[in-house]
């Protein structure tokens, strides 16, 4: 039997039908009923039949299923993931596709808990990011959807967020500030990306069985892009996330924290107008202030570009970048949930 030379080298994988549908379901974490539905609806995966009519699958089909399952975990729709697989196979590029979290195909479906790795920019995403900006400025969300789908078929979701979504949001915000685009275009673009981030936040790997991280924007803070990206990246690390979103009043946040008892609380401020509220959080969460449980963390542009604000707010400053915040939270959550 031939062995794959890379995680998705399906060309060199065996086509010999070996595994019944129950074994394949366990190998791929795809339910038997789902495999049958996919075969009827998409003619995928391919299977042979025993004399008794039972399905048998090859090593090659198991690899193809793992690839599709990984794309679905990253937020891609099933039909689109299967079409992306077939497109890459036609162009002989499937073996170039990186894994999102591990280097061994048997672990490809669910990112394993582990230290956050230092992010390296994906140069290949730069061109796609420019096309994404152009399509959103041109109000062509259908093309923008295709660009994201292509990027997802080739790159890990983590890199897509850091090298494509984040610079796109920054570019569009600056374009609005410079008068290059109007409010309607900026809202269309940011809402398009916001909806994708919310979808990825709702999917992802099976979360750890620990209390969630509560994510909220400070009172009067309506810029939630960085908070959403942080939430998606936390979910990719299998941390449970409860997302409260924009402009959460401190009394309401405190009441929610008392009920949920989270592992940590993250509050984001982009502007001074919202950051001015945050020194008051100990009035509403005195126990957290006195004991450090749950830890209260803060971040956002105002703390990055005006460092003096870091000393005005009690709690833990997450860092100047999303990557810094993710690493800080990952270390903190491991300590809290030991």
Protein backbone atom coordinates (compact mmCIF):
# COMPACT_ATOMS: atom_id res chain seq x y z
CA UNK A 1 0.00 0.00 0.00
CA UNK A 2 1.31 3.45 -0.87
CA UNK A 3 1.55 6.08 1.84
CA UNK A 4 0.85 9.77 1.27
CA UNK A 5 4.01 11.85 1.05
CA UNK A 6 2.26 14.93 2.49
CA UNK A 7 -0.92 15.49 4.55
CA UNK A 8 -3.14 15.83 1.46
CA UNK A 9 -1.11 14.02 -1.21
CA UNK A 10 -4.13 12.12 -2.48
CA UNK A 11 -2.43 11.27 -5.77
CA UNK A 12 -0.05 8.90 -4.01
CA UNK A 13 -2.62 7.50 -1.60
CA UNK A 14 -4.03 4.05 -2.17
CA UNK A 15 -7.28 3.66 -4.12
CA UNK A 16 -7.82 0.17 -2.73
CA UNK A 17 -11.27 0.02 -1.05
CA UNK A 18 -10.56 -1.02 2.53
CA UNK A 19 -12.67 0.83 5.11
CA UNK A 20 -16.37 0.43 5.75
CA UNK A 21 -18.53 3.47 6.42
CA UNK A 22 -18.47 3.08 10.19
CA UNK A 23 -14.68 3.02 10.29
CA UNK A 24 -14.48 6.07 8.01
CA UNK A 25 -16.94 7.93 10.22
CA UNK A 26 -14.65 7.33 13.20
CA UNK A 27 -11.50 8.22 11.23
CA UNK A 28 -12.90 11.53 9.97
CA UNK A 29 -15.38 12.50 12.73
CA UNK A 30 -18.09 12.77 10.07
CA UNK A 31 -21.34 10.95 11.00
CA UNK A 32 -22.43 8.00 8.89
CA UNK A 33 -25.69 9.75 7.99
CA UNK A 34 -23.76 12.80 6.76
CA UNK A 35 -21.50 10.66 4.56
CA UNK A 36 -24.58 9.14 2.93
CA UNK A 37 -26.20 12.54 2.38
CA UNK A 38 -23.03 13.93 0.81
CA UNK A 39 -22.83 10.97 -1.56
CA UNK A 40 -26.42 11.48 -2.71
CA UNK A 41 -26.20 15.26 -2.96
CA UNK A 42 -22.64 15.83 -4.19
CA UNK A 43 -21.48 12.43 -5.51
CA UNK A 44 -18.82 12.71 -2.83
CA UNK A 45 -17.01 10.78 -1.44
CA UNK A 46 -16.46 8.02 -3.95
CA UNK A 47 -17.03 4.49 -2.68
CA UNK A 48 -16.87 0.93 -3.90
CA UNK A 49 -19.43 -1.70 -2.90
CA UNK A 50 -19.06 -5.18 -1.47
CA UNK A 51 -21.08 -8.04 -3.02
CA UNK A 52 -23.58 -7.38 -0.24
CA UNK A 53 -23.92 -3.70 -1.22
CA UNK A 54 -21.94 -2.18 1.66
CA UNK A 55 -19.79 0.88 1.00
CA UNK A 56 -16.01 0.65 1.10
CA UNK A 57 -13.67 3.63 1.06
CA UNK A 58 -10.01 3.98 0.13
CA UNK A 59 -7.18 5.77 1.88
CA UNK A 60 -7.44 8.47 -0.79
CA UNK A 61 -11.11 9.13 0.03
CA UNK A 62 -10.33 9.38 3.74
CA UNK A 63 -7.77 12.10 3.01
CA UNK A 64 -10.24 13.94 0.77
CA UNK A 65 -12.89 13.78 3.51
CA UNK A 66 -10.45 15.13 6.10
CA UNK A 67 -9.61 18.04 3.83
CA UNK A 68 -13.29 18.92 3.33
CA UNK A 69 -14.04 18.54 7.04
CA UNK A 70 -11.23 20.93 7.90
CA UNK A 71 -12.57 23.57 5.50
CA UNK A 72 -16.05 23.18 7.04
CA UNK A 73 -14.56 23.64 10.52
CA UNK A 74 -13.09 26.91 9.24
CA UNK A 75 -16.52 28.15 8.16
CA UNK A 76 -16.83 27.12 4.52
CA UNK A 77 -20.15 25.71 3.29
CA UNK A 78 -20.11 21.98 2.46
CA UNK A 79 -20.82 22.29 -1.27
CA UNK A 80 -18.23 25.02 -1.67
CA UNK A 81 -15.62 22.99 0.23
CA UNK A 82 -16.18 19.99 -2.03
CA UNK A 83 -15.94 22.17 -5.15
CA UNK A 84 -12.73 23.73 -3.81
CA UNK A 85 -11.29 20.24 -3.27
CA UNK A 86 -12.13 19.20 -6.82
CA UNK A 87 -10.73 22.44 -8.24
CA UNK A 88 -7.42 21.98 -6.42
CA UNK A 89 -7.21 18.36 -7.52
CA UNK A 90 -7.74 19.38 -11.16
CA UNK A 91 -4.90 21.89 -10.84
CA UNK A 92 -2.72 19.38 -8.97
CA UNK A 93 -2.37 21.75 -5.99
CA UNK A 94 -4.09 19.82 -3.21
CA UNK A 95 -0.84 18.58 -1.64
CA UNK A 96 0.25 22.22 -1.20
CA UNK A 97 -2.65 22.98 1.15
CA UNK A 98 -1.41 23.58 4.72
CA UNK A 99 -3.00 22.14 7.82
CA UNK A 100 -4.49 24.64 10.19
CA UNK A 101 -3.23 23.27 13.46
CA UNK A 102 -1.18 20.11 13.17
CA UNK A 103 1.33 18.43 10.92
CA UNK A 104 -0.14 14.95 10.99
CA UNK A 105 -3.24 14.12 8.93
CA UNK A 106 -4.75 12.02 11.71
CA UNK A 107 -5.04 15.22 13.80
CA UNK A 108 -6.22 17.53 11.05
CA UNK A 109 -9.87 17.74 12.06
CA UNK A 110 -9.61 19.44 15.44
CA UNK A 111 -6.85 21.82 16.53
CA UNK A 112 -5.13 20.28 19.53
CA UNK A 113 -4.67 22.41 22.65
CA UNK A 114 -1.16 23.82 22.60
CA UNK A 115 0.85 27.01 22.96
CA UNK A 116 0.02 29.85 20.61
CA UNK A 117 2.65 30.01 17.90
CA UNK A 118 4.21 33.24 16.63
CA UNK A 119 2.38 34.28 13.49
CA UNK A 120 4.25 34.59 10.22
CA UNK A 121 2.59 36.60 7.48
CA UNK A 122 1.41 34.73 4.38
CA UNK A 123 2.73 36.68 1.37
CA UNK A 124 0.38 34.76 -0.92
CA UNK A 125 -2.60 36.37 0.79
CA UNK A 126 -1.50 39.92 -0.08
CA UNK A 127 -2.85 39.74 -3.63
CA UNK A 128 -6.14 38.24 -2.50
CA UNK A 129 -6.43 40.94 0.16
CA UNK A 130 -6.06 43.66 -2.48
CA UNK A 131 -8.75 42.03 -4.60
CA UNK A 132 -11.00 41.79 -1.54
CA UNK A 133 -10.60 45.51 -0.84
CA UNK A 134 -11.34 46.38 -4.47
CA UNK A 135 -14.47 44.20 -4.57
CA UNK A 136 -15.84 45.70 -1.35
CA UNK A 137 -15.14 49.25 -2.50
CA UNK A 138 -16.98 48.32 -5.68
CA UNK A 139 -19.93 46.95 -3.65
CA UNK A 140 -19.49 43.51 -5.25
CA UNK A 141 -20.04 41.20 -2.30
CA UNK A 142 -20.50 38.17 -4.56
CA UNK A 143 -16.92 38.54 -5.78
CA UNK A 144 -15.76 39.21 -2.22
CA UNK A 145 -17.39 35.93 -1.18
CA UNK A 146 -15.54 34.07 -3.94
CA UNK A 147 -12.23 35.62 -2.89
CA UNK A 148 -12.70 34.54 0.73
CA UNK A 149 -13.68 31.04 -0.41
CA UNK A 150 -10.53 30.77 -2.52
CA UNK A 151 -8.39 31.99 0.37
CA UNK A 152 -10.02 29.52 2.76
CA UNK A 153 -9.36 26.65 0.38
CA UNK A 154 -5.63 27.38 0.40
CA UNK A 155 -4.75 28.95 3.76
CA UNK A 156 -5.44 28.39 7.46
CA UNK A 157 -8.23 30.52 8.90
CA UNK A 158 -5.78 32.05 11.40
CA UNK A 159 -3.66 33.46 8.56
CA UNK A 160 -6.75 34.57 6.66
CA UNK A 161 -7.84 36.68 9.63
CA UNK A 162 -4.44 38.20 10.40
CA UNK A 163 -3.19 38.71 6.84
CA UNK A 164 -6.45 39.43 5.01
CA UNK A 165 -9.39 40.42 7.22
CA UNK A 166 -7.45 42.63 9.63
CA UNK A 167 -5.60 44.70 6.97
CA UNK A 168 -8.81 44.97 4.95
CA UNK A 169 -10.73 46.42 7.91
CA UNK A 170 -7.84 48.79 8.63
CA UNK A 171 -7.67 49.91 4.99
CA UNK A 172 -11.41 50.52 4.77
CA UNK A 173 -11.43 52.50 8.02
CA UNK A 174 -8.60 54.69 6.77
CA UNK A 175 -10.27 55.08 3.36
CA UNK A 176 -13.39 56.39 5.11
CA UNK A 177 -11.33 58.76 7.29
CA UNK A 178 -9.56 60.08 4.17
CA UNK A 179 -12.85 60.63 2.33
CA UNK A 180 -12.04 57.96 -0.26
CA UNK A 181 -15.23 56.02 0.50
CA UNK A 182 -18.47 57.16 2.11
CA UNK A 183 -20.23 55.83 5.20
CA UNK A 184 -22.53 53.54 3.21
CA UNK A 185 -19.61 51.77 1.52
CA UNK A 186 -17.74 51.45 4.80
CA UNK A 187 -20.81 49.99 6.51
CA UNK A 188 -21.47 47.54 3.66
CA UNK A 189 -17.86 46.35 3.76
CA UNK A 190 -17.48 46.09 7.53
CA UNK A 191 -20.84 44.32 7.91
CA UNK A 192 -19.90 41.84 5.18
CA UNK A 193 -16.71 40.95 7.08
CA UNK A 194 -18.46 41.08 10.46
CA UNK A 195 -20.99 38.45 9.38
CA UNK A 196 -18.18 36.11 8.27
CA UNK A 197 -16.35 36.56 11.55
CA UNK A 198 -19.54 35.82 13.51
CA UNK A 199 -20.05 32.67 11.45
CA UNK A 200 -16.49 31.49 12.19
CA UNK A 201 -16.99 32.36 15.84
CA UNK A 202 -20.04 30.09 15.95
CA UNK A 203 -18.20 27.15 14.36
CA UNK A 204 -14.68 25.94 15.05
CA UNK A 205 -13.39 22.96 17.03
CA UNK A 206 -15.05 21.36 20.01
CA UNK A 207 -14.39 23.76 22.92
CA UNK A 208 -12.71 22.72 26.14
CA UNK A 209 -15.02 21.99 29.05
CA UNK A 210 -14.10 25.08 31.04
CA UNK A 211 -15.95 28.35 31.78
CA UNK A 212 -16.02 30.68 28.77
CA UNK A 213 -14.11 33.85 28.04
CA UNK A 214 -16.51 36.81 27.97
CA UNK A 215 -15.74 39.34 25.22
CA UNK A 216 -17.30 42.81 25.25
CA UNK A 217 -16.77 46.27 23.84
CA UNK A 218 -16.53 49.05 26.40
CA UNK A 219 -19.53 51.34 26.93
CA UNK A 220 -20.03 53.64 23.92
CA UNK A 221 -17.61 51.52 21.85
CA UNK A 222 -19.07 50.44 18.49
CA UNK A 223 -15.87 49.25 16.78
CA UNK A 224 -15.86 45.50 17.30
CA UNK A 225 -13.61 44.19 14.52
CA UNK A 226 -10.58 43.45 16.70
CA UNK A 227 -12.77 41.84 19.38
CA UNK A 228 -14.42 39.55 16.82
CA UNK A 229 -11.08 38.52 15.35
CA UNK A 230 -9.73 37.77 18.82
CA UNK A 231 -12.83 35.69 19.54
CA UNK A 232 -12.43 33.61 16.38
CA UNK A 233 -8.75 32.99 17.12
CA UNK A 234 -9.57 31.94 20.68
CA UNK A 235 -12.14 29.48 19.31
CA UNK A 236 -9.49 28.09 16.96
CA UNK A 237 -7.48 27.35 20.11
CA UNK A 238 -10.57 25.48 21.43
CA UNK A 239 -11.32 28.03 24.17
CA UNK A 240 -15.07 28.59 24.73
CA UNK A 241 -16.14 32.15 24.00
CA UNK A 242 -19.23 34.15 24.98
CA UNK A 243 -19.45 37.18 22.74
CA UNK A 244 -21.43 40.22 23.96
CA UNK A 245 -20.41 42.64 21.23
CA UNK A 246 -20.77 46.40 20.99
CA UNK A 247 -21.20 49.04 23.71
CA UNK A 248 -21.90 46.95 26.82
CA UNK A 249 -22.74 49.06 29.92
CA UNK A 250 -20.58 48.17 32.90
CA UNK A 251 -23.52 47.36 35.23
CA UNK A 252 -24.91 44.93 32.66
CA UNK A 253 -21.49 43.39 32.11
CA UNK A 254 -21.05 42.93 35.85
CA UNK A 255 -24.47 41.28 36.19
CA UNK A 256 -23.63 38.93 33.33
CA UNK A 257 -20.25 38.02 34.86
CA UNK A 258 -21.88 37.23 38.21
CA UNK A 259 -24.26 34.82 36.48
CA UNK A 260 -21.85 33.14 34.05
CA UNK A 261 -18.71 33.01 36.23
CA UNK A 262 -16.32 33.07 33.26
CA UNK A 263 -12.66 32.10 33.09
CA UNK A 264 -11.77 35.67 32.07
CA UNK A 265 -13.34 38.91 30.84
CA UNK A 266 -12.00 40.94 27.92
CA UNK A 267 -13.11 44.53 27.32
CA UNK A 268 -11.96 46.43 24.21
CA UNK A 269 -11.75 50.20 23.66
CA UNK A 270 -10.73 51.74 20.38
CA UNK A 271 -11.43 55.36 21.31
CA UNK A 272 -10.86 57.58 24.33
CA UNK A 273 -14.61 58.22 24.50
CA UNK A 274 -15.16 54.58 25.44
CA UNK A 275 -11.94 54.03 27.42
CA UNK A 276 -12.95 56.78 29.83
CA UNK A 277 -15.54 54.41 31.34
CA UNK A 278 -13.15 51.54 32.08
CA UNK A 279 -11.42 52.87 35.23
CA UNK A 280 -14.82 52.48 36.89
CA UNK A 281 -15.18 48.73 36.40
CA UNK A 282 -14.01 47.87 39.98
CA UNK A 283 -17.11 49.69 41.28
CA UNK A 284 -19.25 47.09 39.56
CA UNK A 285 -16.96 44.06 39.96
CA UNK A 286 -15.32 44.65 43.37
CA UNK A 287 -14.72 40.96 44.05
CA UNK A 288 -12.88 40.51 40.75
CA UNK A 289 -10.83 43.62 41.55
CA UNK A 290 -9.89 42.34 45.03
CA UNK A 291 -9.24 38.69 44.16
CA UNK A 292 -8.29 38.79 40.49
CA UNK A 293 -10.97 36.19 39.76
CA UNK A 294 -12.12 36.30 37.09
CA UNK A 295 -9.20 38.22 35.56
CA UNK A 296 -10.34 41.40 33.82
CA UNK A 297 -8.36 42.16 30.65
CA UNK A 298 -8.42 45.15 28.33
CA UNK A 299 -6.99 46.14 24.98
CA UNK A 300 -7.62 48.15 21.83
CA UNK A 301 -6.17 50.97 19.78
CA UNK A 302 -6.42 53.61 22.48
CA UNK A 303 -4.10 51.58 24.72
CA UNK A 304 -1.73 50.82 21.86
CA UNK A 305 -1.32 54.35 20.54
CA UNK A 306 -1.76 56.22 23.83
CA UNK A 307 0.16 54.07 26.33
CA UNK A 308 -0.67 56.39 29.23
CA UNK A 309 -4.15 54.90 29.20
CA UNK A 310 -2.76 51.52 30.30
CA UNK A 311 -2.04 52.91 33.78
CA UNK A 312 -5.52 54.34 34.16
CA UNK A 313 -7.40 51.04 33.87
CA UNK A 314 -7.07 48.26 36.48
CA UNK A 315 -6.55 44.75 35.17
CA UNK A 316 -4.34 43.11 32.57
CA UNK A 317 -3.34 44.86 29.37
CA UNK A 318 -3.46 42.24 26.62
CA UNK A 319 -0.80 43.75 24.38
CA UNK A 320 -0.43 45.93 21.33
CA UNK A 321 -1.56 43.41 18.69
CA UNK A 322 -4.22 40.73 18.33
CA UNK A 323 -1.45 38.13 18.34
CA UNK A 324 -0.14 39.52 21.66
CA UNK A 325 -3.65 39.42 23.13
CA UNK A 326 -4.18 35.86 21.98
CA UNK A 327 -0.90 34.71 23.51
CA UNK A 328 -1.59 36.55 26.79
CA UNK A 329 -5.06 35.08 27.08
CA UNK A 330 -3.91 31.59 26.18
CA UNK A 331 -1.30 31.64 28.97
CA UNK A 332 -3.78 33.13 31.45
CA UNK A 333 -6.54 30.63 30.62
CA UNK A 334 -4.18 27.69 31.00
CA UNK A 335 -3.21 28.97 34.44
CA UNK A 336 -6.79 29.70 35.53
CA UNK A 337 -8.12 26.33 34.34
CA UNK A 338 -5.32 24.08 35.60
